[in-house]
Amino acid sequence: AVVRVPLVVYDPTNSISTDRVNDMVQLNDLYPTMLSIAGVEPPETNSFNLLEETRETAYVYYEAAESFCSRLEKSGVDRDRFLPLKQYAVWRSPEDKLVWYPDEERYDGPKPDDTELRSSLQSHFCRLDPGDSTNEEGQVDAALEQNLRELGYL
């Protein structure tokens, strides 16, 4: 459900192709791409400017909130039916993908033993920067909280 999601973009500048494109992208690739369309130099990130680069491999991260799982359990869903709460995946095609469950140190998918996919996923994982979302007292950082309020999440 988190891969192969269609995206429709309206480009008033006509800078991007109007055709159906089946290239692999990640949501975070939209950031440098849209900045480029707007004439702004994007900062250095792990994302691709889709006007200049193509992606051969996509990475997906998913972590279910414990509160979500608790609600499911209260509604009668057996916890043994849940997938692991945290998972990372590397994707090149439906047949060429790998899922990693780090809390169980287990791999799954069509190619769970593929050393190249494992290496690619581990390399990507090591480049991720989770950021610091709490202050010294363990509370959510005030700037982050304000940002989430402005975005409508709180």
C-alpha atoms as a PDB file:
ATOM      1  CA  ALA A   1       0.000   0.000   0.000  1.00  0.00           C
ATOM      2  CA  VAL A   2       2.967   2.356   0.401  1.00  0.00           C
ATOM      3  CA  VAL A   3       4.505   1.615  -2.996  1.00  0.00           C
ATOM      4  CA  ARG A   4       3.138   2.024  -6.494  1.00  0.00           C
ATOM      5  CA  VAL A   5       0.957   4.947  -5.509  1.00  0.00           C
ATOM      6  CA  PRO A   6      -0.184   7.172  -8.402  1.00  0.00           C
ATOM      7  CA  LEU A   7       0.634  10.870  -8.310  1.00  0.00           C
ATOM      8  CA  VAL A   8      -0.931  13.580 -10.430  1.00  0.00           C
ATOM      9  CA  VAL A   9       0.878  16.922 -10.635  1.00  0.00           C
ATOM     10  CA  TYR A  10      -0.332  20.124 -12.245  1.00  0.00           C
ATOM     11  CA  ASP A  11       2.634  22.078 -13.609  1.00  0.00           C
ATOM     12  CA  PRO A  12       1.676  25.598 -14.709  1.00  0.00           C
ATOM     13  CA  THR A  13       5.226  26.112 -16.060  1.00  0.00           C
ATOM     14  CA  ASN A  14       5.022  23.101 -18.402  1.00  0.00           C
ATOM     15  CA  SER A  15       8.486  22.063 -17.184  1.00  0.00           C
ATOM     16  CA  ILE A  16       7.586  18.431 -16.687  1.00  0.00           C
ATOM     17  CA  SER A  17       6.276  15.845 -19.092  1.00  0.00           C
ATOM     18  CA  THR A  18       2.508  15.610 -19.529  1.00  0.00           C
ATOM     19  CA  ASP A  19       2.699  11.899 -20.278  1.00  0.00           C
ATOM     20  CA  ARG A  20       2.146   8.994 -17.949  1.00  0.00           C
ATOM     21  CA  VAL A  21       5.501   8.217 -16.397  1.00  0.00           C
ATOM     22  CA  ASN A  22       6.308   4.881 -14.819  1.00  0.00           C
ATOM     23  CA  ASP A  23       9.679   5.924 -13.431  1.00  0.00           C
ATOM     24  CA  MET A  24      10.366   5.011  -9.852  1.00  0.00           C
ATOM     25  CA  VAL A  25      10.164   7.959  -7.461  1.00  0.00           C
ATOM     26  CA  GLN A  26       9.853   8.604  -3.775  1.00  0.00           C
ATOM     27  CA  LEU A  27       7.649  11.226  -2.181  1.00  0.00           C
ATOM     28  CA  ASN A  28      10.710  13.069  -0.880  1.00  0.00           C
ATOM     29  CA  ASP A  29      11.897  13.452  -4.505  1.00  0.00           C
ATOM     30  CA  LEU A  30       9.115  15.990  -5.030  1.00  0.00           C
ATOM     31  CA  TYR A  31      10.860  18.505  -2.750  1.00  0.00           C
ATOM     32  CA  PRO A  32      13.969  19.147  -4.880  1.00  0.00           C
ATOM     33  CA  THR A  33      11.964  18.701  -8.090  1.00  0.00           C
ATOM     34  CA  MET A  34       9.396  21.357  -7.185  1.00  0.00           C
ATOM     35  CA  LEU A  35      12.101  23.728  -5.953  1.00  0.00           C
ATOM     36  CA  SER A  36      13.869  23.307  -9.287  1.00  0.00           C
ATOM     37  CA  ILE A  37      10.643  24.057 -11.198  1.00  0.00           C
ATOM     38  CA  ALA A  38      10.268  27.202  -9.074  1.00  0.00           C
ATOM     39  CA  GLY A  39      13.810  28.259 -10.000  1.00  0.00           C
ATOM     40  CA  VAL A  40      15.219  27.635  -6.522  1.00  0.00           C
ATOM     41  CA  GLU A  41      18.411  25.627  -6.061  1.00  0.00           C
ATOM     42  CA  PRO A  42      17.507  22.632  -3.878  1.00  0.00           C
ATOM     43  CA  PRO A  43      19.719  21.853  -0.888  1.00  0.00           C
ATOM     44  CA  GLU A  44      21.846  18.698  -0.751  1.00  0.00           C
ATOM     45  CA  THR A  45      19.636  15.759   0.305  1.00  0.00           C
ATOM     46  CA  ASN A  46      19.229  12.039  -0.381  1.00  0.00           C
ATOM     47  CA  SER A  47      16.357  12.983  -2.714  1.00  0.00           C
ATOM     48  CA  PHE A  48      16.460  13.144  -6.494  1.00  0.00           C
ATOM     49  CA  ASN A  49      15.561  16.109  -8.692  1.00  0.00           C
ATOM     50  CA  LEU A  50      13.339  14.175 -11.086  1.00  0.00           C
ATOM     51  CA  LEU A  51      13.975  16.684 -13.878  1.00  0.00           C
ATOM     52  CA  GLU A  52      17.655  15.708 -13.853  1.00  0.00           C
ATOM     53  CA  GLU A  53      17.901  12.189 -12.431  1.00  0.00           C
ATOM     54  CA  THR A  54      16.118   8.864 -12.452  1.00  0.00           C
ATOM     55  CA  ARG A  55      15.842   6.509  -9.544  1.00  0.00           C
ATOM     56  CA  GLU A  56      16.525   2.788  -9.930  1.00  0.00           C
ATOM     57  CA  THR A  57      15.770   1.914  -6.331  1.00  0.00           C
ATOM     58  CA  ALA A  58      13.121   3.191  -3.931  1.00  0.00           C
ATOM     59  CA  TYR A  59      13.180   2.888  -0.163  1.00  0.00           C
ATOM     60  CA  VAL A  60      10.163   2.731   2.098  1.00  0.00           C
ATOM     61  CA  TYR A  61       9.920   3.082   5.868  1.00  0.00           C
ATOM     62  CA  TYR A  62       6.863   2.308   7.935  1.00  0.00           C
ATOM     63  CA  GLU A  63       6.307   2.342  11.678  1.00  0.00           C
ATOM     64  CA  ALA A  64       2.906   1.755  13.212  1.00  0.00           C
ATOM     65  CA  ALA A  65       2.121   3.802  16.295  1.00  0.00           C
ATOM     66  CA  GLU A  66       1.604   1.758  19.443  1.00  0.00           C
ATOM     67  CA  SER A  67      -1.619   3.720  20.046  1.00  0.00           C
ATOM     68  CA  PHE A  68      -2.954   2.485  16.693  1.00  0.00           C
ATOM     69  CA  CYS A  69      -2.159  -1.106  17.626  1.00  0.00           C
ATOM     70  CA  SER A  70      -3.836  -0.677  21.011  1.00  0.00           C
ATOM     71  CA  ARG A  71      -7.007   0.564  19.308  1.00  0.00           C
ATOM     72  CA  LEU A  72      -6.986  -2.467  16.999  1.00  0.00           C
ATOM     73  CA  GLU A  73      -6.569  -4.813  19.942  1.00  0.00           C
ATOM     74  CA  LYS A  74      -9.464  -3.138  21.775  1.00  0.00           C
ATOM     75  CA  SER A  75     -11.620  -3.712  18.699  1.00  0.00           C
ATOM     76  CA  GLY A  76     -10.849  -7.452  18.864  1.00  0.00           C
ATOM     77  CA  VAL A  77      -7.961  -7.836  16.405  1.00  0.00           C
ATOM     78  CA  ASP A  78      -5.440 -10.390  17.665  1.00  0.00           C
ATOM     79  CA  ARG A  79      -1.960  -8.849  18.013  1.00  0.00           C
ATOM     80  CA  ASP A  80      -0.404 -12.023  16.576  1.00  0.00           C
ATOM     81  CA  ARG A  81      -1.948 -11.056  13.218  1.00  0.00           C
ATOM     82  CA  PHE A  82       0.007  -7.751  13.087  1.00  0.00           C
ATOM     83  CA  LEU A  83       3.083  -7.345  10.967  1.00  0.00           C
ATOM     84  CA  PRO A  84       6.073  -6.062  12.931  1.00  0.00           C
ATOM     85  CA  LEU A  85       5.499  -2.447  13.946  1.00  0.00           C
ATOM     86  CA  LYS A  86       8.639  -1.188  12.209  1.00  0.00           C
ATOM     87  CA  GLN A  87       9.763  -2.109   8.701  1.00  0.00           C
ATOM     88  CA  TYR A  88      12.083  -0.849   5.984  1.00  0.00           C
ATOM     89  CA  ALA A  89      11.959  -1.967   2.364  1.00  0.00           C
ATOM     90  CA  VAL A  90      14.049  -1.623  -0.751  1.00  0.00           C
ATOM     91  CA  TRP A  91      12.117  -1.834  -4.018  1.00  0.00           C
ATOM     92  CA  ARG A  92      13.139  -2.143  -7.652  1.00  0.00           C
ATOM     93  CA  SER A  93      10.118  -4.099  -8.893  1.00  0.00           C
ATOM     94  CA  PRO A  94       7.476  -6.418  -7.417  1.00  0.00           C
ATOM     95  CA  GLU A  95       9.877  -9.318  -7.940  1.00  0.00           C
ATOM     96  CA  ASP A  96      12.992  -7.424  -6.848  1.00  0.00           C
ATOM     97  CA  LYS A  97      12.306  -6.202  -3.331  1.00  0.00           C
ATOM     98  CA  LEU A  98      13.291  -6.886   0.237  1.00  0.00           C
ATOM     99  CA  VAL A  99      11.620  -6.034   3.548  1.00  0.00           C
ATOM    100  CA  TRP A 100      13.601  -5.719   6.785  1.00  0.00           C
ATOM    101  CA  TYR A 101      12.023  -5.935  10.229  1.00  0.00           C
ATOM    102  CA  PRO A 102      14.789  -4.427  12.389  1.00  0.00           C
ATOM    103  CA  ASP A 103      13.210  -5.220  15.772  1.00  0.00           C
ATOM    104  CA  GLU A 104      13.240  -8.908  14.831  1.00  0.00           C
ATOM    105  CA  GLU A 105      16.409  -8.679  12.703  1.00  0.00           C
ATOM    106  CA  ARG A 106      14.474 -10.571  10.016  1.00  0.00           C
ATOM    107  CA  TYR A 107      14.231 -10.160   6.240  1.00  0.00           C
ATOM    108  CA  ASP A 108      11.242 -11.027   4.062  1.00  0.00           C
ATOM    109  CA  GLY A 109       9.930 -10.515   0.538  1.00  0.00           C
ATOM    110  CA  PRO A 110      10.673 -12.163  -2.791  1.00  0.00           C
ATOM    111  CA  LYS A 111      14.450 -11.899  -2.227  1.00  0.00           C
ATOM    112  CA  PRO A 112      15.132 -12.143   1.535  1.00  0.00           C
ATOM    113  CA  ASP A 113      18.654 -13.497   1.003  1.00  0.00           C
ATOM    114  CA  ASP A 114      19.752 -11.081  -1.754  1.00  0.00           C
ATOM    115  CA  THR A 115      23.020  -9.617  -0.425  1.00  0.00           C
ATOM    116  CA  GLU A 116      22.971  -6.688  -2.876  1.00  0.00           C
ATOM    117  CA  LEU A 117      19.494  -5.597  -1.773  1.00  0.00           C
ATOM    118  CA  ARG A 118      20.454  -6.045   1.890  1.00  0.00           C
ATOM    119  CA  SER A 119      23.570  -3.943   1.388  1.00  0.00           C
ATOM    120  CA  SER A 120      21.619  -1.240  -0.440  1.00  0.00           C
ATOM    121  CA  LEU A 121      18.973  -1.126   2.290  1.00  0.00           C
ATOM    122  CA  GLN A 122      21.541  -1.030   5.107  1.00  0.00           C
ATOM    123  CA  SER A 123      23.483   1.735   3.355  1.00  0.00           C
ATOM    124  CA  HIS A 124      20.308   3.782   2.944  1.00  0.00           C
ATOM    125  CA  PHE A 125      19.286   3.128   6.556  1.00  0.00           C
ATOM    126  CA  CYS A 126      22.660   4.391   7.822  1.00  0.00           C
ATOM    127  CA  ARG A 127      22.201   7.670   5.891  1.00  0.00           C
ATOM    128  CA  LEU A 128      18.839   8.409   7.510  1.00  0.00           C
ATOM    129  CA  ASP A 129      18.850  11.199  10.075  1.00  0.00           C
ATOM    130  CA  PRO A 130      15.999  10.806  12.535  1.00  0.00           C
ATOM    131  CA  GLY A 131      16.522  14.290  13.928  1.00  0.00           C
ATOM    132  CA  ASP A 132      15.998  15.183  17.555  1.00  0.00           C
ATOM    133  CA  SER A 133      12.357  15.767  18.404  1.00  0.00           C
ATOM    134  CA  THR A 134      12.647  16.072  22.180  1.00  0.00           C
ATOM    135  CA  ASN A 135      14.259  18.528  24.565  1.00  0.00           C
ATOM    136  CA  GLU A 136      16.442  17.675  27.566  1.00  0.00           C
ATOM    137  CA  GLU A 137      13.377  16.850  29.704  1.00  0.00           C
ATOM    138  CA  GLY A 138      12.144  14.340  27.119  1.00  0.00           C
ATOM    139  CA  GLN A 139       9.285  16.602  26.001  1.00  0.00           C
ATOM    140  CA  VAL A 140       8.511  17.387  22.362  1.00  0.00           C
ATOM    141  CA  ASP A 141      10.683  20.290  21.243  1.00  0.00           C
ATOM    142  CA  ALA A 142       8.693  23.577  21.251  1.00  0.00           C
ATOM    143  CA  ALA A 143       9.769  24.506  17.707  1.00  0.00           C
ATOM    144  CA  LEU A 144       8.720  21.097  16.404  1.00  0.00           C
ATOM    145  CA  GLU A 145       5.389  21.340  18.219  1.00  0.00           C
ATOM    146  CA  GLN A 146       4.764  24.788  16.722  1.00  0.00           C
ATOM    147  CA  ASN A 147       5.658  23.508  13.269  1.00  0.00           C
ATOM    148  CA  LEU A 148       3.213  20.592  13.657  1.00  0.00           C
ATOM    149  CA  ARG A 149       0.490  23.035  14.794  1.00  0.00           C
ATOM    150  CA  GLU A 150       1.074  25.238  11.758  1.00  0.00           C
ATOM    151  CA  LEU A 151       0.826  22.196   9.497  1.00  0.00           C
ATOM    152  CA  GLY A 152      -2.478  21.241  11.146  1.00  0.00           C
ATOM    153  CA  TYR A 153      -1.299  18.028  12.832  1.00  0.00           C
ATOM    154  CA  LEU A 154      -1.952  19.303  16.378  1.00  0.00           C
END
